[in-house]
């Protein structure tokens, strides 16, 4: 038996492999804070907070007690989707 997150990761890997011919990069799933999320996206923390407040990102925040966290895998998938859509525009 596999967990739902594992199942979703397997499906995402298979879809990406079928569509692009390459697997998604291996990323160890973990929750990261806003600072780390902003660093992954290559933007300032203030800009990240503003964009998140405006619901710009497709990934959602996870509350751990009173702390805001994000799944690093969600951010990687967002970055890959964004870069792939940019490749199609050329």
PDB file of N, CA and C in Angstrom:
ATOM      1  N   UNK A   1       0.832  -1.173   0.000  1.00  0.00           N
ATOM      2  CA  UNK A   1       0.000   0.000   0.000  1.00  0.00           C
ATOM      3  C   UNK A   1       0.886   1.248   0.000  1.00  0.00           C
ATOM      4  N   UNK A   2       0.486   2.273  -0.770  1.00  0.00           N
ATOM      5  CA  UNK A   2       1.250   3.515  -0.793  1.00  0.00           C
ATOM      6  C   UNK A   2       0.370   4.663  -0.313  1.00  0.00           C
ATOM      7  N   UNK A   3       1.009   5.693   0.196  1.00  0.00           N
ATOM      8  CA  UNK A   3       0.261   6.846   0.701  1.00  0.00           C
ATOM      9  C   UNK A   3      -0.208   7.716  -0.464  1.00  0.00           C
ATOM     10  N   UNK A   4      -1.134   8.600  -0.195  1.00  0.00           N
ATOM     11  CA  UNK A   4      -1.655   9.503  -1.218  1.00  0.00           C
ATOM     12  C   UNK A   4      -0.557  10.407  -1.778  1.00  0.00           C
ATOM     13  N   UNK A   5       0.306  11.027  -0.950  1.00  0.00           N
ATOM     14  CA  UNK A   5       1.383  11.838  -1.528  1.00  0.00           C
ATOM     15  C   UNK A   5       2.318  11.037  -2.436  1.00  0.00           C
ATOM     16  N   UNK A   6       2.612   9.795  -2.037  1.00  0.00           N
ATOM     17  CA  UNK A   6       3.457   8.937  -2.876  1.00  0.00           C
ATOM     18  C   UNK A   6       2.760   8.636  -4.198  1.00  0.00           C
ATOM     19  N   UNK A   7       1.474   8.350  -4.129  1.00  0.00           N
ATOM     20  CA  UNK A   7       0.700   8.077  -5.331  1.00  0.00           C
ATOM     21  C   UNK A   7       0.727   9.284  -6.274  1.00  0.00           C
ATOM     22  N   UNK A   8       0.513  10.473  -5.720  1.00  0.00           N
ATOM     23  CA  UNK A   8       0.529  11.699  -6.533  1.00  0.00           C
ATOM     24  C   UNK A   8       1.888  11.917  -7.180  1.00  0.00           C
ATOM     25  N   UNK A   9       2.944  11.641  -6.452  1.00  0.00           N
ATOM     26  CA  UNK A   9       4.292  11.808  -6.995  1.00  0.00           C
ATOM     27  C   UNK A   9       4.537  10.805  -8.126  1.00  0.00           C
ATOM     28  N   UNK A  10       4.088   9.587  -7.966  1.00  0.00           N
ATOM     29  CA  UNK A  10       4.244   8.578  -9.020  1.00  0.00           C
ATOM     30  C   UNK A  10       3.480   9.001 -10.271  1.00  0.00           C
ATOM     31  N   UNK A  11       2.253   9.458 -10.095  1.00  0.00           N
ATOM     32  CA  UNK A  11       1.443   9.896 -11.234  1.00  0.00           C
ATOM     33  C   UNK A  11       2.100  11.091 -11.925  1.00  0.00           C
ATOM     34  N   UNK A  12       2.596  12.051 -11.142  1.00  0.00           N
ATOM     35  CA  UNK A  12       3.261  13.219 -11.726  1.00  0.00           C
ATOM     36  C   UNK A  12       4.505  12.800 -12.512  1.00  0.00           C
ATOM     37  N   UNK A  13       5.268  11.869 -11.962  1.00  0.00           N
ATOM     38  CA  UNK A  13       6.460  11.376 -12.648  1.00  0.00           C
ATOM     39  C   UNK A  13       6.085  10.706 -13.974  1.00  0.00           C
ATOM     40  N   UNK A  14       5.075   9.867 -13.951  1.00  0.00           N
ATOM     41  CA  UNK A  14       4.665   9.159 -15.160  1.00  0.00           C
ATOM     42  C   UNK A  14       4.113  10.110 -16.221  1.00  0.00           C
ATOM     43  N   UNK A  15       3.320  11.095 -15.792  1.00  0.00           N
ATOM     44  CA  UNK A  15       2.792  12.078 -16.742  1.00  0.00           C
ATOM     45  C   UNK A  15       3.917  12.865 -17.390  1.00  0.00           C
ATOM     46  N   UNK A  16       4.858  13.318 -16.585  1.00  0.00           N
ATOM     47  CA  UNK A  16       5.975  14.103 -17.112  1.00  0.00           C
ATOM     48  C   UNK A  16       6.815  13.253 -18.056  1.00  0.00           C
ATOM     49  N   UNK A  17       7.043  12.017 -17.698  1.00  0.00           N
ATOM     50  CA  UNK A  17       7.813  11.105 -18.544  1.00  0.00           C
ATOM     51  C   UNK A  17       7.102  10.876 -19.880  1.00  0.00           C
ATOM     52  N   UNK A  18       5.793  10.680 -19.835  1.00  0.00           N
ATOM     53  CA  UNK A  18       5.029  10.454 -21.066  1.00  0.00           C
ATOM     54  C   UNK A  18       5.003  11.696 -21.949  1.00  0.00           C
ATOM     55  N   UNK A  19       4.866  12.878 -21.343  1.00  0.00           N
ATOM     56  CA  UNK A  19       4.753  14.114 -22.110  1.00  0.00           C
ATOM     57  C   UNK A  19       6.098  14.649 -22.580  1.00  0.00           C
ATOM     58  N   UNK A  20       7.113  14.579 -21.751  1.00  0.00           N
ATOM     59  CA  UNK A  20       8.395  15.223 -22.043  1.00  0.00           C
ATOM     60  C   UNK A  20       9.528  14.259 -22.352  1.00  0.00           C
ATOM     61  N   UNK A  21       9.342  12.993 -22.033  1.00  0.00           N
ATOM     62  CA  UNK A  21      10.382  12.012 -22.284  1.00  0.00           C
ATOM     63  C   UNK A  21      11.473  11.964 -21.221  1.00  0.00           C
ATOM     64  N   UNK A  22      11.328  12.753 -20.174  1.00  0.00           N
ATOM     65  CA  UNK A  22      12.289  12.756 -19.066  1.00  0.00           C
ATOM     66  C   UNK A  22      11.529  12.768 -17.747  1.00  0.00           C
ATOM     67  N   UNK A  23      12.086  12.139 -16.733  1.00  0.00           N
ATOM     68  CA  UNK A  23      11.415  12.190 -15.422  1.00  0.00           C
ATOM     69  C   UNK A  23      11.627  13.539 -14.748  1.00  0.00           C
ATOM     70  N   UNK A  24      10.771  13.831 -13.802  1.00  0.00           N
ATOM     71  CA  UNK A  24      10.948  15.022 -12.976  1.00  0.00           C
ATOM     72  C   UNK A  24      12.198  14.852 -12.121  1.00  0.00           C
ATOM     73  N   UNK A  25      12.851  15.943 -11.748  1.00  0.00           N
ATOM     74  CA  UNK A  25      14.010  15.796 -10.861  1.00  0.00           C
ATOM     75  C   UNK A  25      13.594  15.210  -9.511  1.00  0.00           C
ATOM     76  N   UNK A  26      14.485  14.444  -8.927  1.00  0.00           N
ATOM     77  CA  UNK A  26      14.218  13.851  -7.617  1.00  0.00           C
ATOM     78  C   UNK A  26      14.395  14.933  -6.554  1.00  0.00           C
ATOM     79  N   UNK A  27      13.337  15.172  -5.810  1.00  0.00           N
ATOM     80  CA  UNK A  27      13.353  16.167  -4.747  1.00  0.00           C
ATOM     81  C   UNK A  27      12.824  15.495  -3.492  1.00  0.00           C
ATOM     82  N   UNK A  28      13.588  15.550  -2.430  1.00  0.00           N
ATOM     83  CA  UNK A  28      13.129  14.983  -1.167  1.00  0.00           C
ATOM     84  C   UNK A  28      12.045  15.910  -0.618  1.00  0.00           C
ATOM     85  N   UNK A  29      10.817  15.398  -0.487  1.00  0.00           N
ATOM     86  CA  UNK A  29       9.722  16.250  -0.028  1.00  0.00           C
ATOM     87  C   UNK A  29       9.954  16.744   1.395  1.00  0.00           C
ATOM     88  N   UNK A  30       9.754  18.029   1.572  1.00  0.00           N
ATOM     89  CA  UNK A  30       9.808  18.610   2.914  1.00  0.00           C
ATOM     90  C   UNK A  30       9.060  19.919   2.908  1.00  0.00           C
ATOM     91  N   UNK A  31       8.705  20.372   4.085  1.00  0.00           N
ATOM     92  CA  UNK A  31       8.043  21.660   4.232  1.00  0.00           C
ATOM     93  C   UNK A  31       9.103  22.730   4.449  1.00  0.00           C
ATOM     94  N   UNK A  32       8.946  23.857   3.746  1.00  0.00           N
ATOM     95  CA  UNK A  32       9.909  24.947   3.858  1.00  0.00           C
ATOM     96  C   UNK A  32       9.178  26.227   4.254  1.00  0.00           C
ATOM     97  N   UNK A  33       9.926  27.161   4.817  1.00  0.00           N
ATOM     98  CA  UNK A  33       9.320  28.426   5.233  1.00  0.00           C
ATOM     99  C   UNK A  33       9.283  29.412   4.059  1.00  0.00           C
ATOM    100  N   UNK A  34       8.730  30.599   4.312  1.00  0.00           N
ATOM    101  CA  UNK A  34       8.587  31.604   3.262  1.00  0.00           C
ATOM    102  C   UNK A  34       9.936  32.067   2.714  1.00  0.00           C
ATOM    103  N   UNK A  35      10.916  32.183   3.570  1.00  0.00           N
ATOM    104  CA  UNK A  35      12.241  32.618   3.122  1.00  0.00           C
ATOM    105  C   UNK A  35      12.834  31.618   2.133  1.00  0.00           C
ATOM    106  N   UNK A  36      12.753  30.337   2.461  1.00  0.00           N
ATOM    107  CA  UNK A  36      13.287  29.299   1.570  1.00  0.00           C
ATOM    108  C   UNK A  36      12.487  29.234   0.271  1.00  0.00           C
ATOM    109  N   UNK A  37      11.180  29.415   0.354  1.00  0.00           N
ATOM    110  CA  UNK A  37      10.341  29.409  -0.846  1.00  0.00           C
ATOM    111  C   UNK A  37      10.731  30.565  -1.767  1.00  0.00           C
ATOM    112  N   UNK A  38      10.933  31.739  -1.191  1.00  0.00           N
ATOM    113  CA  UNK A  38      11.342  32.906  -1.986  1.00  0.00           C
ATOM    114  C   UNK A  38      12.699  32.660  -2.638  1.00  0.00           C
ATOM    115  N   UNK A  39      13.623  32.056  -1.897  1.00  0.00           N
ATOM    116  CA  UNK A  39      14.947  31.744  -2.450  1.00  0.00           C
ATOM    117  C   UNK A  39      14.839  30.761  -3.617  1.00  0.00           C
ATOM    118  N   UNK A  40      13.994  29.741  -3.474  1.00  0.00           N
ATOM    119  CA  UNK A  40      13.816  28.780  -4.563  1.00  0.00           C
ATOM    120  C   UNK A  40      13.285  29.458  -5.821  1.00  0.00           C
ATOM    121  N   UNK A  41      12.425  30.452  -5.630  1.00  0.00           N
ATOM    122  CA  UNK A  41      11.831  31.164  -6.759  1.00  0.00           C
ATOM    123  C   UNK A  41      12.722  32.282  -7.286  1.00  0.00           C
ATOM    124  N   UNK A  42      13.773  32.612  -6.524  1.00  0.00           N
ATOM    125  CA  UNK A  42      14.695  33.655  -6.953  1.00  0.00           C
ATOM    126  C   UNK A  42      14.128  35.053  -6.815  1.00  0.00           C
ATOM    127  N   UNK A  43      13.268  35.252  -5.816  1.00  0.00           N
ATOM    128  CA  UNK A  43      12.691  36.576  -5.574  1.00  0.00           C
ATOM    129  C   UNK A  43      12.882  36.957  -4.114  1.00  0.00           C
ATOM    130  N   UNK A  44      12.665  38.228  -3.815  1.00  0.00           N
ATOM    131  CA  UNK A  44      12.819  38.685  -2.433  1.00  0.00           C
ATOM    132  C   UNK A  44      11.654  38.177  -1.582  1.00  0.00           C
ATOM    133  N   UNK A  45      11.875  38.139  -0.281  1.00  0.00           N
ATOM    134  CA  UNK A  45      10.835  37.701   0.643  1.00  0.00           C
ATOM    135  C   UNK A  45       9.630  38.636   0.571  1.00  0.00           C
ATOM    136  N   UNK A  46       9.864  39.939   0.495  1.00  0.00           N
ATOM    137  CA  UNK A  46       8.762  40.904   0.408  1.00  0.00           C
ATOM    138  C   UNK A  46       7.942  40.676  -0.861  1.00  0.00           C
ATOM    139  N   UNK A  47       8.610  40.449  -1.974  1.00  0.00           N
ATOM    140  CA  UNK A  47       7.918  40.200  -3.233  1.00  0.00           C
ATOM    141  C   UNK A  47       7.143  38.894  -3.167  1.00  0.00           C
ATOM    142  N   UNK A  48       7.741  37.862  -2.561  1.00  0.00           N
ATOM    143  CA  UNK A  48       7.054  36.584  -2.403  1.00  0.00           C
ATOM    144  C   UNK A  48       5.767  36.761  -1.597  1.00  0.00           C
ATOM    145  N   UNK A  49       5.856  37.478  -0.480  1.00  0.00           N
ATOM    146  CA  UNK A  49       4.671  37.682   0.371  1.00  0.00           C
ATOM    147  C   UNK A  49       3.587  38.446  -0.377  1.00  0.00           C
ATOM    148  N   UNK A  50       3.984  39.452  -1.166  1.00  0.00           N
ATOM    149  CA  UNK A  50       3.008  40.234  -1.933  1.00  0.00           C
ATOM    150  C   UNK A  50       2.326  39.347  -2.980  1.00  0.00           C
ATOM    151  N   UNK A  51       3.119  38.572  -3.721  1.00  0.00           N
ATOM    152  CA  UNK A  51       2.550  37.701  -4.749  1.00  0.00           C
ATOM    153  C   UNK A  51       1.650  36.626  -4.148  1.00  0.00           C
ATOM    154  N   UNK A  52       2.030  36.111  -3.005  1.00  0.00           N
ATOM    155  CA  UNK A  52       1.192  35.094  -2.364  1.00  0.00           C
ATOM    156  C   UNK A  52      -0.127  35.707  -1.889  1.00  0.00           C
ATOM    157  N   UNK A  53      -0.046  36.891  -1.341  1.00  0.00           N
ATOM    158  CA  UNK A  53      -1.249  37.593  -0.880  1.00  0.00           C
ATOM    159  C   UNK A  53      -2.213  37.837  -2.053  1.00  0.00           C
ATOM    160  N   UNK A  54      -1.662  38.075  -3.244  1.00  0.00           N
ATOM    161  CA  UNK A  54      -2.470  38.308  -4.445  1.00  0.00           C
ATOM    162  C   UNK A  54      -2.884  37.003  -5.129  1.00  0.00           C
ATOM    163  N   UNK A  55      -2.586  35.868  -4.501  1.00  0.00           N
ATOM    164  CA  UNK A  55      -2.927  34.525  -5.012  1.00  0.00           C
ATOM    165  C   UNK A  55      -2.314  34.273  -6.388  1.00  0.00           C
ATOM    166  N   UNK A  56      -1.085  34.717  -6.581  1.00  0.00           N
ATOM    167  CA  UNK A  56      -0.380  34.535  -7.848  1.00  0.00           C
ATOM    168  C   UNK A  56       0.085  33.093  -8.053  1.00  0.00           C
ATOM    169  N   UNK A  57       0.486  32.443  -6.982  1.00  0.00           N
ATOM    170  CA  UNK A  57       1.049  31.097  -7.067  1.00  0.00           C
ATOM    171  C   UNK A  57      -0.044  30.037  -6.991  1.00  0.00           C
ATOM    172  N   UNK A  58       0.127  28.918  -7.722  1.00  0.00           N
ATOM    173  CA  UNK A  58      -0.864  27.844  -7.649  1.00  0.00           C
ATOM    174  C   UNK A  58      -0.712  26.977  -6.400  1.00  0.00           C
ATOM    175  N   UNK A  59       0.450  27.039  -5.754  1.00  0.00           N
ATOM    176  CA  UNK A  59       0.647  26.216  -4.562  1.00  0.00           C
ATOM    177  C   UNK A  59       0.094  26.939  -3.338  1.00  0.00           C
ATOM    178  N   UNK A  60      -0.318  26.158  -2.371  1.00  0.00           N
ATOM    179  CA  UNK A  60      -0.974  26.698  -1.178  1.00  0.00           C
ATOM    180  C   UNK A  60      -0.081  26.581   0.035  1.00  0.00           C
ATOM    181  N   UNK A  61      -0.311  27.457   0.971  1.00  0.00           N
ATOM    182  CA  UNK A  61       0.417  27.423   2.239  1.00  0.00           C
ATOM    183  C   UNK A  61      -0.141  26.318   3.132  1.00  0.00           C
ATOM    184  N   UNK A  62       0.705  25.797   3.957  1.00  0.00           N
ATOM    185  CA  UNK A  62       0.335  24.793   4.953  1.00  0.00           C
ATOM    186  C   UNK A  62       0.643  25.392   6.319  1.00  0.00           C
ATOM    187  N   UNK A  63      -0.303  25.340   7.206  1.00  0.00           N
ATOM    188  CA  UNK A  63      -0.078  25.869   8.546  1.00  0.00           C
ATOM    189  C   UNK A  63       0.404  24.736   9.455  1.00  0.00           C
ATOM    190  N   UNK A  64       1.531  24.976  10.098  1.00  0.00           N
ATOM    191  CA  UNK A  64       2.087  24.046  11.075  1.00  0.00           C
ATOM    192  C   UNK A  64       2.106  24.826  12.383  1.00  0.00           C
ATOM    193  N   UNK A  65       1.062  24.612  13.162  1.00  0.00           N
ATOM    194  CA  UNK A  65       0.879  25.459  14.343  1.00  0.00           C
ATOM    195  C   UNK A  65       0.573  26.868  13.849  1.00  0.00           C
ATOM    196  N   UNK A  66       1.423  27.817  14.221  1.00  0.00           N
ATOM    197  CA  UNK A  66       1.256  29.195  13.748  1.00  0.00           C
ATOM    198  C   UNK A  66       2.247  29.541  12.638  1.00  0.00           C
ATOM    199  N   UNK A  67       3.034  28.566  12.221  1.00  0.00           N
ATOM    200  CA  UNK A  67       4.048  28.793  11.191  1.00  0.00           C
ATOM    201  C   UNK A  67       3.495  28.490   9.803  1.00  0.00           C
ATOM    202  N   UNK A  68       3.885  29.303   8.836  1.00  0.00           N
ATOM    203  CA  UNK A  68       3.491  29.099   7.440  1.00  0.00           C
ATOM    204  C   UNK A  68       4.573  28.280   6.750  1.00  0.00           C
ATOM    205  N   UNK A  69       4.164  27.227   6.073  1.00  0.00           N
ATOM    206  CA  UNK A  69       5.103  26.367   5.356  1.00  0.00           C
ATOM    207  C   UNK A  69       4.546  26.045   3.979  1.00  0.00           C
ATOM    208  N   UNK A  70       5.436  25.599   3.094  1.00  0.00           N
ATOM    209  CA  UNK A  70       5.081  25.219   1.732  1.00  0.00           C
ATOM    210  C   UNK A  70       5.771  23.913   1.402  1.00  0.00           C
ATOM    211  N   UNK A  71       5.166  23.133   0.521  1.00  0.00           N
ATOM    212  CA  UNK A  71       5.823  21.895   0.058  1.00  0.00           C
ATOM    213  C   UNK A  71       6.851  22.280  -0.999  1.00  0.00           C
ATOM    214  N   UNK A  72       8.085  21.868  -0.792  1.00  0.00           N
ATOM    215  CA  UNK A  72       9.121  22.193  -1.774  1.00  0.00           C
ATOM    216  C   UNK A  72       8.825  21.538  -3.119  1.00  0.00           C
ATOM    217  N   UNK A  73       8.165  20.400  -3.117  1.00  0.00           N
ATOM    218  CA  UNK A  73       7.832  19.727  -4.371  1.00  0.00           C
ATOM    219  C   UNK A  73       6.815  20.542  -5.177  1.00  0.00           C
ATOM    220  N   UNK A  74       5.896  21.215  -4.492  1.00  0.00           N
ATOM    221  CA  UNK A  74       4.933  22.075  -5.192  1.00  0.00           C
ATOM    222  C   UNK A  74       5.651  23.212  -5.909  1.00  0.00           C
ATOM    223  N   UNK A  75       6.657  23.763  -5.268  1.00  0.00           N
ATOM    224  CA  UNK A  75       7.408  24.873  -5.862  1.00  0.00           C
ATOM    225  C   UNK A  75       8.229  24.384  -7.046  1.00  0.00           C
ATOM    226  N   UNK A  76       8.856  23.216  -6.914  1.00  0.00           N
ATOM    227  CA  UNK A  76       9.627  22.652  -8.029  1.00  0.00           C
ATOM    228  C   UNK A  76       8.706  22.394  -9.219  1.00  0.00           C
ATOM    229  N   UNK A  77       7.527  21.828  -8.985  1.00  0.00           N
ATOM    230  CA  UNK A  77       6.583  21.564 -10.074  1.00  0.00           C
ATOM    231  C   UNK A  77       6.143  22.871 -10.716  1.00  0.00           C
ATOM    232  N   UNK A  78       5.912  23.902  -9.913  1.00  0.00           N
ATOM    233  CA  UNK A  78       5.544  25.220 -10.445  1.00  0.00           C
ATOM    234  C   UNK A  78       6.663  25.770 -11.327  1.00  0.00           C
ATOM    235  N   UNK A  79       7.891  25.675 -10.859  1.00  0.00           N
ATOM    236  CA  UNK A  79       9.026  26.186 -11.634  1.00  0.00           C
ATOM    237  C   UNK A  79       9.188  25.423 -12.948  1.00  0.00           C
ATOM    238  N   UNK A  80       9.041  24.111 -12.901  1.00  0.00           N
ATOM    239  CA  UNK A  80       9.171  23.312 -14.120  1.00  0.00           C
ATOM    240  C   UNK A  80       8.045  23.623 -15.104  1.00  0.00           C
ATOM    241  N   UNK A  81       6.824  23.763 -14.619  1.00  0.00           N
ATOM    242  CA  UNK A  81       5.694  24.084 -15.488  1.00  0.00           C
ATOM    243  C   UNK A  81       5.890  25.453 -16.121  1.00  0.00           C
ATOM    244  N   UNK A  82       6.373  26.406 -15.332  1.00  0.00           N
ATOM    245  CA  UNK A  82       6.589  27.766 -15.836  1.00  0.00           C
ATOM    246  C   UNK A  82       7.685  27.780 -16.881  1.00  0.00           C
ATOM    247  N   UNK A  83       8.779  27.052 -16.649  1.00  0.00           N
ATOM    248  CA  UNK A  83       9.876  27.041 -17.617  1.00  0.00           C
ATOM    249  C   UNK A  83       9.476  26.297 -18.884  1.00  0.00           C
ATOM    250  N   UNK A  84       8.659  25.264 -18.761  1.00  0.00           N
ATOM    251  CA  UNK A  84       8.223  24.525 -19.940  1.00  0.00           C
ATOM    252  C   UNK A  84       7.260  25.340 -20.780  1.00  0.00           C
ATOM    253  N   UNK A  85       6.377  26.121 -20.135  1.00  0.00           N
ATOM    254  CA  UNK A  85       5.466  26.960 -20.912  1.00  0.00           C
ATOM    255  C   UNK A  85       6.221  28.083 -21.596  1.00  0.00           C
ATOM    256  N   UNK A  86       7.322  28.536 -20.987  1.00  0.00           N
ATOM    257  CA  UNK A  86       8.166  29.549 -21.611  1.00  0.00           C
ATOM    258  C   UNK A  86       8.900  29.006 -22.811  1.00  0.00           C
ATOM    259  N   UNK A  87       9.264  27.720 -22.761  1.00  0.00           N
ATOM    260  CA  UNK A  87       9.947  27.091 -23.887  1.00  0.00           C
ATOM    261  C   UNK A  87       9.020  26.990 -25.094  1.00  0.00           C
ATOM    262  N   UNK A  88       7.728  26.786 -24.838  1.00  0.00           N
ATOM    263  CA  UNK A  88       6.769  26.632 -25.924  1.00  0.00           C
ATOM    264  C   UNK A  88       6.504  27.952 -26.629  1.00  0.00           C
ATOM    265  N   UNK A  89       6.780  29.064 -25.990  1.00  0.00           N
ATOM    266  CA  UNK A  89       6.501  30.372 -26.566  1.00  0.00           C
ATOM    267  C   UNK A  89       7.541  30.752 -27.618  1.00  0.00           C
ATOM    268  N   UNK A  90       8.680  30.083 -27.618  1.00  0.00           N
ATOM    269  CA  UNK A  90       9.750  30.437 -28.564  1.00  0.00           C
ATOM    270  C   UNK A  90       9.474  29.890 -29.937  1.00  0.00           C
TER     271      UNK A  90
END
